[in-house]
N, C-alpha and C. Protein backbone atom coordinates (compact mmCIF):
# COMPACT_ATOMS: atom_id res chain seq x y z
N MET A 1 -8.36 29.51 -10.72
CA MET A 1 -9.41 28.51 -10.73
C MET A 1 -10.10 28.54 -9.37
N ASP A 2 -11.29 28.04 -9.33
CA ASP A 2 -12.13 28.05 -8.14
C ASP A 2 -11.47 27.31 -6.98
N ASP A 3 -11.46 27.95 -5.79
CA ASP A 3 -10.84 27.34 -4.61
C ASP A 3 -11.52 26.04 -4.20
N ASP A 4 -12.85 25.94 -4.40
CA ASP A 4 -13.57 24.72 -4.05
C ASP A 4 -13.04 23.53 -4.84
N LEU A 5 -12.70 23.74 -6.10
CA LEU A 5 -12.17 22.67 -6.93
C LEU A 5 -10.84 22.17 -6.35
N TRP A 6 -10.00 23.10 -5.91
CA TRP A 6 -8.71 22.73 -5.31
C TRP A 6 -8.92 21.99 -4.00
N GLU A 7 -9.93 22.37 -3.22
CA GLU A 7 -10.19 21.70 -1.95
C GLU A 7 -10.76 20.30 -2.15
N GLU A 8 -11.70 20.16 -3.10
CA GLU A 8 -12.36 18.87 -3.32
C GLU A 8 -11.52 17.90 -4.14
N TYR A 9 -10.68 18.41 -5.03
CA TYR A 9 -9.89 17.55 -5.92
C TYR A 9 -8.43 18.01 -5.92
N PRO A 10 -7.75 17.89 -4.78
CA PRO A 10 -6.39 18.43 -4.68
C PRO A 10 -5.39 17.77 -5.63
N GLU A 11 -5.60 16.51 -5.98
CA GLU A 11 -4.66 15.85 -6.88
C GLU A 11 -4.89 16.24 -8.34
N ALA A 12 -6.15 16.37 -8.74
CA ALA A 12 -6.48 16.64 -10.14
C ALA A 12 -6.40 18.12 -10.50
N ALA A 13 -6.64 19.00 -9.54
CA ALA A 13 -6.70 20.43 -9.83
C ALA A 13 -5.43 20.98 -10.51
N PRO A 14 -4.22 20.57 -10.11
CA PRO A 14 -3.04 21.09 -10.81
C PRO A 14 -3.00 20.71 -12.30
N TYR A 15 -3.44 19.50 -12.63
CA TYR A 15 -3.47 19.07 -14.03
C TYR A 15 -4.48 19.89 -14.83
N ILE A 16 -5.64 20.14 -14.22
CA ILE A 16 -6.67 20.94 -14.88
C ILE A 16 -6.19 22.37 -15.06
N GLN A 17 -5.59 22.93 -14.01
CA GLN A 17 -5.06 24.29 -14.08
C GLN A 17 -4.00 24.42 -15.16
N GLN A 18 -3.10 23.44 -15.25
CA GLN A 18 -2.05 23.49 -16.26
C GLN A 18 -2.64 23.41 -17.66
N ALA A 19 -3.66 22.56 -17.85
CA ALA A 19 -4.32 22.46 -19.15
C ALA A 19 -4.99 23.77 -19.53
N VAL A 20 -5.60 24.45 -18.55
CA VAL A 20 -6.23 25.75 -18.80
C VAL A 20 -5.17 26.77 -19.21
N GLU A 21 -4.04 26.78 -18.51
CA GLU A 21 -2.97 27.73 -18.83
C GLU A 21 -2.38 27.45 -20.21
N ASP A 22 -2.22 26.17 -20.55
CA ASP A 22 -1.61 25.81 -21.83
C ASP A 22 -2.55 25.99 -23.02
N HIS A 23 -3.83 25.66 -22.82
CA HIS A 23 -4.74 25.58 -23.97
C HIS A 23 -5.98 26.46 -23.87
N GLY A 24 -6.36 26.88 -22.69
CA GLY A 24 -7.56 27.69 -22.51
C GLY A 24 -8.73 26.87 -22.00
N GLU A 25 -9.70 27.56 -21.43
CA GLU A 25 -10.85 26.92 -20.81
C GLU A 25 -11.70 26.14 -21.81
N ASP A 26 -11.94 26.71 -22.99
CA ASP A 26 -12.76 26.02 -23.99
C ASP A 26 -12.13 24.71 -24.42
N TRP A 27 -10.81 24.69 -24.62
CA TRP A 27 -10.12 23.45 -25.00
C TRP A 27 -10.29 22.41 -23.91
N VAL A 28 -10.17 22.82 -22.65
CA VAL A 28 -10.30 21.87 -21.54
C VAL A 28 -11.67 21.23 -21.56
N VAL A 29 -12.72 22.02 -21.73
CA VAL A 29 -14.07 21.46 -21.76
C VAL A 29 -14.23 20.52 -22.95
N GLU A 30 -13.76 20.93 -24.13
CA GLU A 30 -13.91 20.11 -25.33
C GLU A 30 -13.12 18.81 -25.26
N ASN A 31 -11.97 18.82 -24.60
CA ASN A 31 -11.09 17.65 -24.55
C ASN A 31 -11.06 17.00 -23.18
N TYR A 32 -12.02 17.32 -22.34
CA TYR A 32 -11.99 16.85 -20.95
C TYR A 32 -11.99 15.33 -20.86
N PHE A 33 -12.89 14.68 -21.56
CA PHE A 33 -13.01 13.24 -21.41
C PHE A 33 -11.80 12.48 -21.96
N PRO A 34 -11.34 12.75 -23.17
CA PRO A 34 -10.18 11.97 -23.64
C PRO A 34 -8.86 12.37 -22.99
N GLN A 35 -8.72 13.61 -22.52
CA GLN A 35 -7.43 14.07 -22.03
C GLN A 35 -7.31 14.11 -20.50
N ILE A 36 -8.37 14.45 -19.80
CA ILE A 36 -8.27 14.69 -18.35
C ILE A 36 -9.02 13.65 -17.54
N ALA A 37 -10.21 13.28 -17.97
CA ALA A 37 -11.02 12.35 -17.18
C ALA A 37 -10.33 11.01 -16.98
N GLN A 38 -9.40 10.66 -17.86
CA GLN A 38 -8.68 9.40 -17.71
C GLN A 38 -7.85 9.37 -16.43
N LEU A 39 -7.53 10.54 -15.88
CA LEU A 39 -6.83 10.58 -14.59
C LEU A 39 -7.66 9.94 -13.48
N GLY A 40 -8.97 9.81 -13.72
CA GLY A 40 -9.86 9.21 -12.74
C GLY A 40 -9.51 7.79 -12.39
N VAL A 41 -8.64 7.16 -13.17
CA VAL A 41 -8.19 5.81 -12.87
C VAL A 41 -7.30 5.82 -11.63
N VAL A 42 -6.57 6.91 -11.42
CA VAL A 42 -5.61 6.96 -10.31
C VAL A 42 -5.92 8.02 -9.25
N MET A 43 -6.90 8.89 -9.52
CA MET A 43 -7.24 9.93 -8.55
C MET A 43 -8.67 10.40 -8.76
N ASP A 44 -9.24 11.07 -7.77
CA ASP A 44 -10.57 11.64 -7.91
C ASP A 44 -10.52 12.82 -8.87
N VAL A 45 -11.39 12.78 -9.88
CA VAL A 45 -11.45 13.82 -10.90
C VAL A 45 -12.88 14.34 -10.97
N PRO A 46 -13.08 15.66 -11.00
CA PRO A 46 -14.45 16.20 -11.05
C PRO A 46 -15.11 15.93 -12.40
N GLU A 47 -16.41 15.90 -12.40
CA GLU A 47 -17.15 15.85 -13.65
C GLU A 47 -16.95 17.18 -14.37
N VAL A 48 -17.02 17.17 -15.68
CA VAL A 48 -16.80 18.40 -16.45
C VAL A 48 -17.79 19.48 -16.03
N GLU A 49 -19.00 19.10 -15.65
CA GLU A 49 -20.00 20.08 -15.23
C GLU A 49 -19.62 20.78 -13.91
N GLU A 50 -18.68 20.21 -13.16
CA GLU A 50 -18.24 20.83 -11.90
C GLU A 50 -17.16 21.88 -12.10
N LEU A 51 -16.59 21.96 -13.29
CA LEU A 51 -15.53 22.94 -13.53
C LEU A 51 -16.11 24.35 -13.42
N PRO A 52 -15.40 25.27 -12.78
CA PRO A 52 -15.95 26.62 -12.55
C PRO A 52 -16.21 27.40 -13.83
N PHE A 53 -15.54 27.06 -14.92
CA PHE A 53 -15.71 27.80 -16.17
C PHE A 53 -16.64 27.08 -17.14
N TYR A 54 -17.21 25.95 -16.73
CA TYR A 54 -18.16 25.23 -17.60
C TYR A 54 -19.46 26.02 -17.69
N ASP A 55 -19.96 26.21 -18.91
CA ASP A 55 -21.21 26.92 -19.15
C ASP A 55 -22.13 26.00 -19.95
N GLU A 56 -23.20 25.55 -19.34
CA GLU A 56 -24.12 24.59 -19.95
C GLU A 56 -24.65 25.07 -21.30
N GLU A 57 -24.90 26.36 -21.43
CA GLU A 57 -25.45 26.90 -22.66
C GLU A 57 -24.40 27.03 -23.76
N ARG A 58 -23.14 27.15 -23.39
CA ARG A 58 -22.08 27.38 -24.36
C ARG A 58 -21.33 26.11 -24.76
N HIS A 59 -21.23 25.17 -23.83
CA HIS A 59 -20.42 23.98 -24.07
C HIS A 59 -21.28 22.74 -24.28
N ASP A 60 -20.87 21.93 -25.22
CA ASP A 60 -21.53 20.66 -25.49
C ASP A 60 -20.58 19.55 -25.07
N VAL A 61 -21.00 18.72 -24.12
CA VAL A 61 -20.14 17.64 -23.63
C VAL A 61 -20.81 16.29 -23.84
N MET A 62 -20.01 15.24 -23.76
CA MET A 62 -20.52 13.89 -23.95
C MET A 62 -21.50 13.50 -22.86
N ASP A 63 -22.59 12.83 -23.28
CA ASP A 63 -23.50 12.30 -22.28
C ASP A 63 -22.94 10.97 -21.77
N GLU A 64 -23.60 10.39 -20.79
CA GLU A 64 -23.08 9.18 -20.16
C GLU A 64 -22.94 8.04 -21.16
N GLU A 65 -23.88 7.91 -22.09
CA GLU A 65 -23.81 6.85 -23.10
C GLU A 65 -22.55 6.98 -23.95
N LYS A 66 -22.23 8.20 -24.38
CA LYS A 66 -21.03 8.43 -25.18
C LYS A 66 -19.76 8.18 -24.36
N GLN A 67 -19.79 8.54 -23.07
CA GLN A 67 -18.65 8.27 -22.20
C GLN A 67 -18.39 6.78 -22.10
N ILE A 68 -19.46 6.00 -21.94
CA ILE A 68 -19.33 4.55 -21.84
C ILE A 68 -18.79 3.98 -23.15
N GLU A 69 -19.31 4.46 -24.27
CA GLU A 69 -18.85 4.00 -25.58
C GLU A 69 -17.36 4.28 -25.76
N MET A 70 -16.93 5.49 -25.37
CA MET A 70 -15.52 5.84 -25.49
C MET A 70 -14.66 4.98 -24.57
N ALA A 71 -15.11 4.75 -23.34
CA ALA A 71 -14.37 3.92 -22.40
C ALA A 71 -14.23 2.49 -22.91
N GLU A 72 -15.29 1.95 -23.50
CA GLU A 72 -15.21 0.60 -24.06
C GLU A 72 -14.24 0.54 -25.24
N GLY A 73 -14.23 1.59 -26.05
CA GLY A 73 -13.28 1.66 -27.16
C GLY A 73 -11.84 1.72 -26.66
N LEU A 74 -11.60 2.52 -25.62
CA LEU A 74 -10.25 2.60 -25.05
C LEU A 74 -9.83 1.27 -24.44
N ARG A 75 -10.78 0.58 -23.78
CA ARG A 75 -10.47 -0.73 -23.20
C ARG A 75 -10.07 -1.71 -24.29
N ALA A 76 -10.82 -1.74 -25.39
CA ALA A 76 -10.51 -2.64 -26.50
C ALA A 76 -9.15 -2.29 -27.11
N TYR A 77 -8.87 -1.00 -27.23
CA TYR A 77 -7.58 -0.56 -27.78
C TYR A 77 -6.43 -1.01 -26.90
N ARG A 78 -6.56 -0.82 -25.59
CA ARG A 78 -5.51 -1.26 -24.66
C ARG A 78 -5.32 -2.77 -24.71
N GLU A 79 -6.42 -3.49 -24.80
CA GLU A 79 -6.33 -4.95 -24.89
C GLU A 79 -5.62 -5.38 -26.17
N ASN A 80 -5.91 -4.70 -27.27
CA ASN A 80 -5.22 -5.01 -28.52
C ASN A 80 -3.73 -4.71 -28.42
N LEU A 81 -3.38 -3.62 -27.75
CA LEU A 81 -1.96 -3.32 -27.55
C LEU A 81 -1.30 -4.37 -26.68
N ARG A 82 -2.01 -4.80 -25.64
CA ARG A 82 -1.46 -5.78 -24.71
C ARG A 82 -1.23 -7.13 -25.39
N THR A 83 -2.19 -7.55 -26.18
CA THR A 83 -2.12 -8.88 -26.81
C THR A 83 -1.42 -8.87 -28.16
N GLY A 84 -1.24 -7.70 -28.76
CA GLY A 84 -0.59 -7.61 -30.06
C GLY A 84 -1.49 -8.08 -31.19
N THR A 85 -2.79 -8.02 -31.00
CA THR A 85 -3.72 -8.44 -32.04
C THR A 85 -4.51 -7.25 -32.55
N LYS A 86 -5.16 -7.45 -33.66
CA LYS A 86 -6.04 -6.44 -34.22
C LYS A 86 -7.48 -6.82 -33.90
N PRO A 87 -8.41 -5.88 -33.94
CA PRO A 87 -9.81 -6.24 -33.69
C PRO A 87 -10.26 -7.36 -34.61
N ASP A 88 -11.09 -8.23 -34.09
CA ASP A 88 -11.65 -9.36 -34.81
C ASP A 88 -10.65 -10.43 -35.18
N GLU A 89 -9.43 -10.37 -34.64
CA GLU A 89 -8.45 -11.44 -34.82
C GLU A 89 -8.47 -12.32 -33.58
N GLU A 90 -8.28 -13.57 -33.78
CA GLU A 90 -8.23 -14.50 -32.63
C GLU A 90 -6.83 -15.02 -32.47
């Protein structure tokens, strides 16, 4: 993997490298937001476009609106787990 990625994101780079070794570069790009970007809660994580193997013409990734929608869904899911309720229950 690109040395710049290791220098700029020393905590996240090993997780990204392991995912590439286990699943391949295409899988990492396709599953970046639900599987890897969540690490951003505890460490600096690069944007998917910063990955050295990301190809704008080949890969389709979530735009900011979709990222926000997914994050709100995950927040609601965690809240439901925490409270033991289902959506729309009071």
